[in-house]
Amino acid sequence: MSMTDKVAIVAGGGRDIGAACAVELAARGASVLLTYHASAATAEQTVAKIQAAGGKAKAIQADLTEQSGIDKTVNAALSEYGAIDCLVHVSGGLVERKKIVEMDLAHWKKVLDVNLTSLFLMSQAVIPHMKPGSTIVTFSSQAARDGGGGGAIPYATSKGAVSTFTRGLAKELGPNIRVNSVCPGMISTGFHDTFTPDAVRTNVAGATCIKREGTSEEVAKLVGFLADDESSYMTGNNVDINGGLLFS
């Protein structure tokens, strides 16, 4: 319970990795506000799971690419819990696989807004409310290092920018607020259920040193470590979790 009396926002906590992060932070003692865009049912299931274990959690619907959704989230956290000590920004997505010659400007902007602009807006909004010792955990991707799979250039580009944003923000906010990023590889989530063919998943999992896909809970354990004082001498890092498929 090392995060007792801490308040954490999990942006994009409605399902998969985000939901696992919310459960992990609550298990460490944090009061959690999680946001979702369309995953209302799984978000409420996550809240119920946390509450059943004796934790505190609330879920709200918010579009984090819009200032109104950002304001709604911050106001809800302050109204419900009175503070913000941690931001875990999981919110993001690939949207659709399109090759560069096929995509229009609207698609490019949408992917960057979902992955990068939402992080900028959310960080900008929570920082004034964070006291020394607070933490921010962002989500980059293995795609930031290797360019991603076919049709994922906007996604990989946005995640590369998240990695750079993390380093710059760590410099700007130190020593009071630590900022680190998680770079997942092939994790068994709805993301890959939607966008990655089974044969590709099998091949990628087989190429890892661990010989399988990762789980949302394994990623959440890393997030909990980076959000907590256990990682007190770490900031500006982009930490791989990919089963040994790619080494930094």
Protein backbone atom coordinates (compact mmCIF):
# COMPACT_ATOMS: atom_id res chain seq x y z
CA MET A 1 0.00 0.00 0.00
CA SER A 2 2.87 2.34 -0.83
CA MET A 3 0.60 4.82 -2.65
CA THR A 4 -1.86 5.27 0.21
CA ASP A 5 -3.24 8.83 0.29
CA LYS A 6 -2.15 9.36 -3.33
CA VAL A 7 -4.59 10.23 -6.13
CA ALA A 8 -3.99 8.81 -9.60
CA ILE A 9 -5.65 9.61 -12.91
CA VAL A 10 -5.52 6.79 -15.44
CA ALA A 11 -6.33 8.37 -18.79
CA GLY A 12 -7.66 5.61 -21.02
CA GLY A 13 -8.34 3.22 -18.14
CA GLY A 14 -11.48 1.64 -19.50
CA ARG A 15 -10.03 -1.64 -20.77
CA ASP A 16 -6.98 -3.82 -21.32
CA ILE A 17 -3.70 -2.18 -20.19
CA GLY A 18 -5.42 0.94 -18.84
CA ALA A 19 -7.82 -1.07 -16.72
CA ALA A 20 -4.97 -3.21 -15.40
CA CYS A 21 -3.06 -0.04 -14.49
CA ALA A 22 -6.06 1.28 -12.55
CA VAL A 23 -6.30 -2.00 -10.61
CA GLU A 24 -2.55 -2.02 -9.91
CA LEU A 25 -2.45 1.56 -8.62
CA ALA A 26 -5.50 0.95 -6.45
CA ALA A 27 -3.84 -2.19 -5.03
CA ARG A 28 -0.91 0.06 -4.06
CA GLY A 29 -3.36 2.24 -2.12
CA ALA A 30 -4.07 5.05 -4.59
CA SER A 31 -7.50 6.53 -5.12
CA VAL A 32 -8.09 6.22 -8.85
CA LEU A 33 -10.03 8.25 -11.39
CA LEU A 34 -10.07 6.47 -14.74
CA THR A 35 -11.32 7.86 -18.02
CA TYR A 36 -12.78 6.00 -20.97
CA HIS A 37 -13.97 7.06 -24.41
CA ALA A 38 -16.30 4.25 -25.49
CA SER A 39 -15.61 1.36 -23.10
CA ALA A 40 -18.26 2.16 -20.50
CA ALA A 41 -19.06 -1.43 -19.53
CA THR A 42 -15.47 -2.55 -18.94
CA ALA A 43 -14.67 0.73 -17.18
CA GLU A 44 -17.45 0.17 -14.69
CA GLN A 45 -16.35 -3.45 -14.25
CA THR A 46 -12.87 -2.17 -13.40
CA VAL A 47 -14.29 0.25 -10.84
CA ALA A 48 -16.38 -2.55 -9.30
CA LYS A 49 -13.30 -4.80 -9.11
CA ILE A 50 -11.29 -2.12 -7.32
CA GLN A 51 -14.10 -1.33 -4.91
CA ALA A 52 -14.69 -5.01 -4.16
CA ALA A 53 -11.04 -5.23 -3.09
CA GLY A 54 -11.52 -2.28 -0.73
CA GLY A 55 -10.08 0.41 -3.01
CA LYS A 56 -11.39 3.74 -4.23
CA ALA A 57 -12.18 4.31 -7.90
CA LYS A 58 -14.44 6.29 -10.19
CA ALA A 59 -14.84 6.20 -13.97
CA ILE A 60 -15.87 9.06 -16.25
CA GLN A 61 -16.38 9.37 -19.99
CA ALA A 62 -14.11 11.96 -21.60
CA ASP A 63 -12.71 12.83 -25.02
CA LEU A 64 -9.11 13.70 -24.19
CA THR A 65 -8.42 15.24 -27.59
CA GLU A 66 -10.71 18.13 -26.58
CA GLN A 67 -10.04 20.72 -23.88
CA SER A 68 -13.53 20.17 -22.49
CA GLY A 69 -12.73 16.50 -21.84
CA ILE A 70 -9.45 17.42 -20.18
CA ASP A 71 -11.14 19.96 -17.92
CA LYS A 72 -13.88 17.46 -17.05
CA THR A 73 -11.26 14.91 -16.00
CA VAL A 74 -9.18 17.24 -13.86
CA ASN A 75 -12.24 18.76 -12.20
CA ALA A 76 -13.61 15.31 -11.43
CA ALA A 77 -10.36 14.22 -9.77
CA LEU A 78 -10.18 17.36 -7.66
CA SER A 79 -13.86 17.22 -6.75
CA GLU A 80 -13.79 13.52 -5.85
CA TYR A 81 -10.40 13.27 -4.14
CA GLY A 82 -9.05 16.81 -3.67
CA ALA A 83 -5.63 16.25 -5.24
CA ILE A 84 -3.69 14.82 -8.19
CA ASP A 85 -0.43 12.99 -7.43
CA CYS A 86 -0.04 10.76 -10.45
CA LEU A 87 -1.02 10.75 -14.12
CA VAL A 88 -0.83 7.53 -16.12
CA HIS A 89 -1.63 8.40 -19.72
CA VAL A 90 -2.55 5.18 -21.54
CA SER A 91 -5.05 6.80 -23.90
CA GLY A 92 -4.19 6.31 -27.57
CA GLY A 93 -4.61 4.07 -30.57
CA LEU A 94 -3.71 3.22 -34.14
CA VAL A 95 -7.23 4.12 -35.45
CA GLU A 96 -6.75 2.32 -38.80
CA ARG A 97 -3.91 0.84 -40.82
CA LYS A 98 -3.25 3.01 -43.88
CA LYS A 99 -0.19 3.33 -46.07
CA ILE A 100 1.19 6.82 -46.54
CA VAL A 101 -0.11 7.09 -50.13
CA GLU A 102 -3.60 6.09 -48.99
CA MET A 103 -4.13 8.40 -46.04
CA ASP A 104 -5.54 11.89 -46.01
CA LEU A 105 -4.57 14.73 -43.70
CA ALA A 106 -7.59 14.10 -41.48
CA HIS A 107 -6.36 10.58 -40.66
CA TRP A 108 -2.84 11.82 -39.92
CA LYS A 109 -4.13 14.53 -37.58
CA LYS A 110 -6.56 12.18 -35.83
CA VAL A 111 -3.86 9.64 -34.94
CA LEU A 112 -1.51 12.35 -33.67
CA ASP A 113 -4.32 13.94 -31.67
CA VAL A 114 -5.29 10.65 -30.04
CA ASN A 115 -1.74 9.72 -29.05
CA LEU A 116 0.17 12.96 -28.67
CA THR A 117 -2.11 15.99 -28.37
CA SER A 118 -4.14 14.27 -25.66
CA LEU A 119 -0.95 13.70 -23.66
CA PHE A 120 0.12 17.32 -24.08
CA LEU A 121 -3.28 18.63 -22.97
CA MET A 122 -3.58 16.23 -20.06
CA SER A 123 -0.07 16.92 -18.79
CA GLN A 124 -0.53 20.67 -19.09
CA ALA A 125 -3.74 20.45 -17.07
CA VAL A 126 -2.53 18.28 -14.17
CA ILE A 127 0.94 19.75 -13.58
CA PRO A 128 -0.29 22.91 -11.75
CA HIS A 129 -2.06 20.66 -9.23
CA MET A 130 0.87 18.33 -8.57
CA LYS A 131 3.04 18.75 -5.51
CA PRO A 132 6.69 17.66 -5.23
CA GLY A 133 7.00 13.88 -5.37
CA SER A 134 4.29 13.46 -7.99
CA THR A 135 4.74 11.28 -11.06
CA ILE A 136 3.68 11.05 -14.69
CA VAL A 137 3.82 7.80 -16.67
CA THR A 138 3.33 8.06 -20.42
CA PHE A 139 2.83 5.33 -23.01
CA SER A 140 5.16 5.12 -25.96
CA SER A 141 5.54 1.85 -27.89
CA GLN A 142 7.99 -0.53 -29.47
CA ALA A 143 6.74 1.12 -32.68
CA ALA A 144 8.58 4.27 -31.60
CA ARG A 145 11.84 2.34 -31.91
CA ASP A 146 11.22 0.18 -34.99
CA GLY A 147 8.70 2.20 -37.03
CA GLY A 148 5.75 -0.10 -36.38
CA GLY A 149 4.01 -2.57 -38.65
CA GLY A 150 2.51 -1.96 -42.06
CA GLY A 151 0.20 1.02 -42.31
CA ALA A 152 1.20 2.40 -38.92
CA ILE A 153 3.44 5.36 -39.78
CA PRO A 154 1.26 8.00 -38.01
CA TYR A 155 1.02 5.77 -34.93
CA ALA A 156 4.75 5.05 -34.81
CA THR A 157 5.54 8.72 -35.40
CA SER A 158 3.24 9.85 -32.61
CA LYS A 159 4.74 7.31 -30.22
CA GLY A 160 8.25 8.45 -31.11
CA ALA A 161 7.10 11.94 -30.21
CA VAL A 162 5.74 10.63 -26.90
CA SER A 163 9.21 9.28 -26.08
CA THR A 164 10.78 12.66 -26.82
CA PHE A 165 8.02 14.51 -24.95
CA THR A 166 8.75 12.31 -21.93
CA ARG A 167 12.45 13.19 -21.94
CA GLY A 168 11.81 16.90 -22.35
CA LEU A 169 9.10 17.01 -19.70
CA ALA A 170 11.34 15.18 -17.24
CA LYS A 171 13.95 17.92 -17.65
CA GLU A 172 11.38 20.66 -17.32
CA LEU A 173 9.67 19.28 -14.21
CA GLY A 174 12.62 17.88 -12.28
CA PRO A 175 13.30 17.59 -9.44
CA ASN A 176 9.71 17.97 -8.26
CA ILE A 177 7.87 15.67 -10.68
CA ARG A 178 9.29 12.53 -12.28
CA VAL A 179 8.25 11.54 -15.81
CA ASN A 180 8.84 8.12 -17.37
CA SER A 181 7.42 6.19 -20.29
CA VAL A 182 6.53 2.56 -20.94
CA CYS A 183 7.21 1.03 -24.38
CA PRO A 184 5.14 -2.15 -24.78
CA GLY A 185 5.77 -4.69 -27.50
CA MET A 186 3.32 -7.47 -28.40
CA ILE A 187 0.82 -7.40 -25.52
CA SER A 188 -2.34 -9.49 -25.69
CA THR A 189 -5.00 -6.77 -25.93
CA GLY A 190 -7.96 -5.66 -28.00
CA PHE A 191 -5.55 -3.43 -29.94
CA HIS A 192 -3.93 -6.46 -31.57
CA ASP A 193 -7.24 -8.32 -31.77
CA THR A 194 -8.39 -5.48 -34.02
CA PHE A 195 -5.29 -4.52 -35.98
CA THR A 196 -2.87 -7.48 -36.09
CA PRO A 197 -3.48 -10.75 -37.99
CA ASP A 198 -3.18 -13.95 -35.96
CA ALA A 199 -0.27 -15.21 -38.08
CA VAL A 200 1.70 -12.04 -37.42
CA ARG A 201 1.01 -12.27 -33.70
CA THR A 202 2.20 -15.86 -33.64
CA ASN A 203 5.39 -14.99 -35.50
CA VAL A 204 6.17 -11.99 -33.31
CA ALA A 205 5.50 -13.88 -30.08
CA GLY A 206 7.74 -16.70 -31.29
CA ALA A 207 10.55 -14.23 -32.00
CA THR A 208 10.65 -12.98 -28.40
CA CYS A 209 13.03 -14.46 -25.87
CA ILE A 210 10.03 -15.33 -23.67
CA LYS A 211 8.20 -17.02 -26.60
CA ARG A 212 4.78 -15.51 -25.90
CA GLU A 213 2.79 -12.31 -25.87
CA GLY A 214 2.81 -10.15 -22.77
CA THR A 215 -0.22 -9.44 -20.59
CA SER A 216 -1.86 -6.21 -19.51
CA GLU A 217 -1.12 -7.09 -15.91
CA GLU A 218 2.61 -7.42 -16.61
CA VAL A 219 2.65 -3.95 -18.14
CA ALA A 220 0.66 -2.60 -15.19
CA LYS A 221 3.28 -3.91 -12.75
CA LEU A 222 5.91 -1.84 -14.54
CA VAL A 223 3.63 1.20 -14.53
CA GLY A 224 3.05 0.78 -10.80
CA PHE A 225 6.81 0.72 -10.20
CA LEU A 226 7.37 3.89 -12.25
CA ALA A 227 4.43 5.67 -10.60
CA ASP A 228 5.61 4.78 -7.12
CA ASP A 229 8.55 5.96 -5.01
CA GLU A 230 10.22 2.61 -5.68
CA SER A 231 11.61 4.23 -8.84
CA SER A 232 12.62 7.45 -7.11
CA TYR A 233 15.91 7.85 -9.04
CA MET A 234 14.37 7.27 -12.45
CA THR A 235 13.08 10.03 -14.73
CA GLY A 236 13.12 10.66 -18.46
CA ASN A 237 13.33 6.93 -19.19
CA ASN A 238 11.55 5.00 -21.93
CA VAL A 239 11.35 1.49 -20.53
CA ASP A 240 10.90 -1.47 -22.88
CA ILE A 241 8.56 -4.35 -22.02
CA ASN A 242 8.54 -6.62 -25.05
CA GLY A 243 9.72 -10.07 -23.99
CA GLY A 244 13.18 -9.46 -25.43
CA LEU A 245 12.00 -8.89 -28.99
CA LEU A 246 13.91 -5.60 -29.20
CA PHE A 247 16.70 -4.33 -26.97
CA SER A 248 17.34 -0.66 -26.29
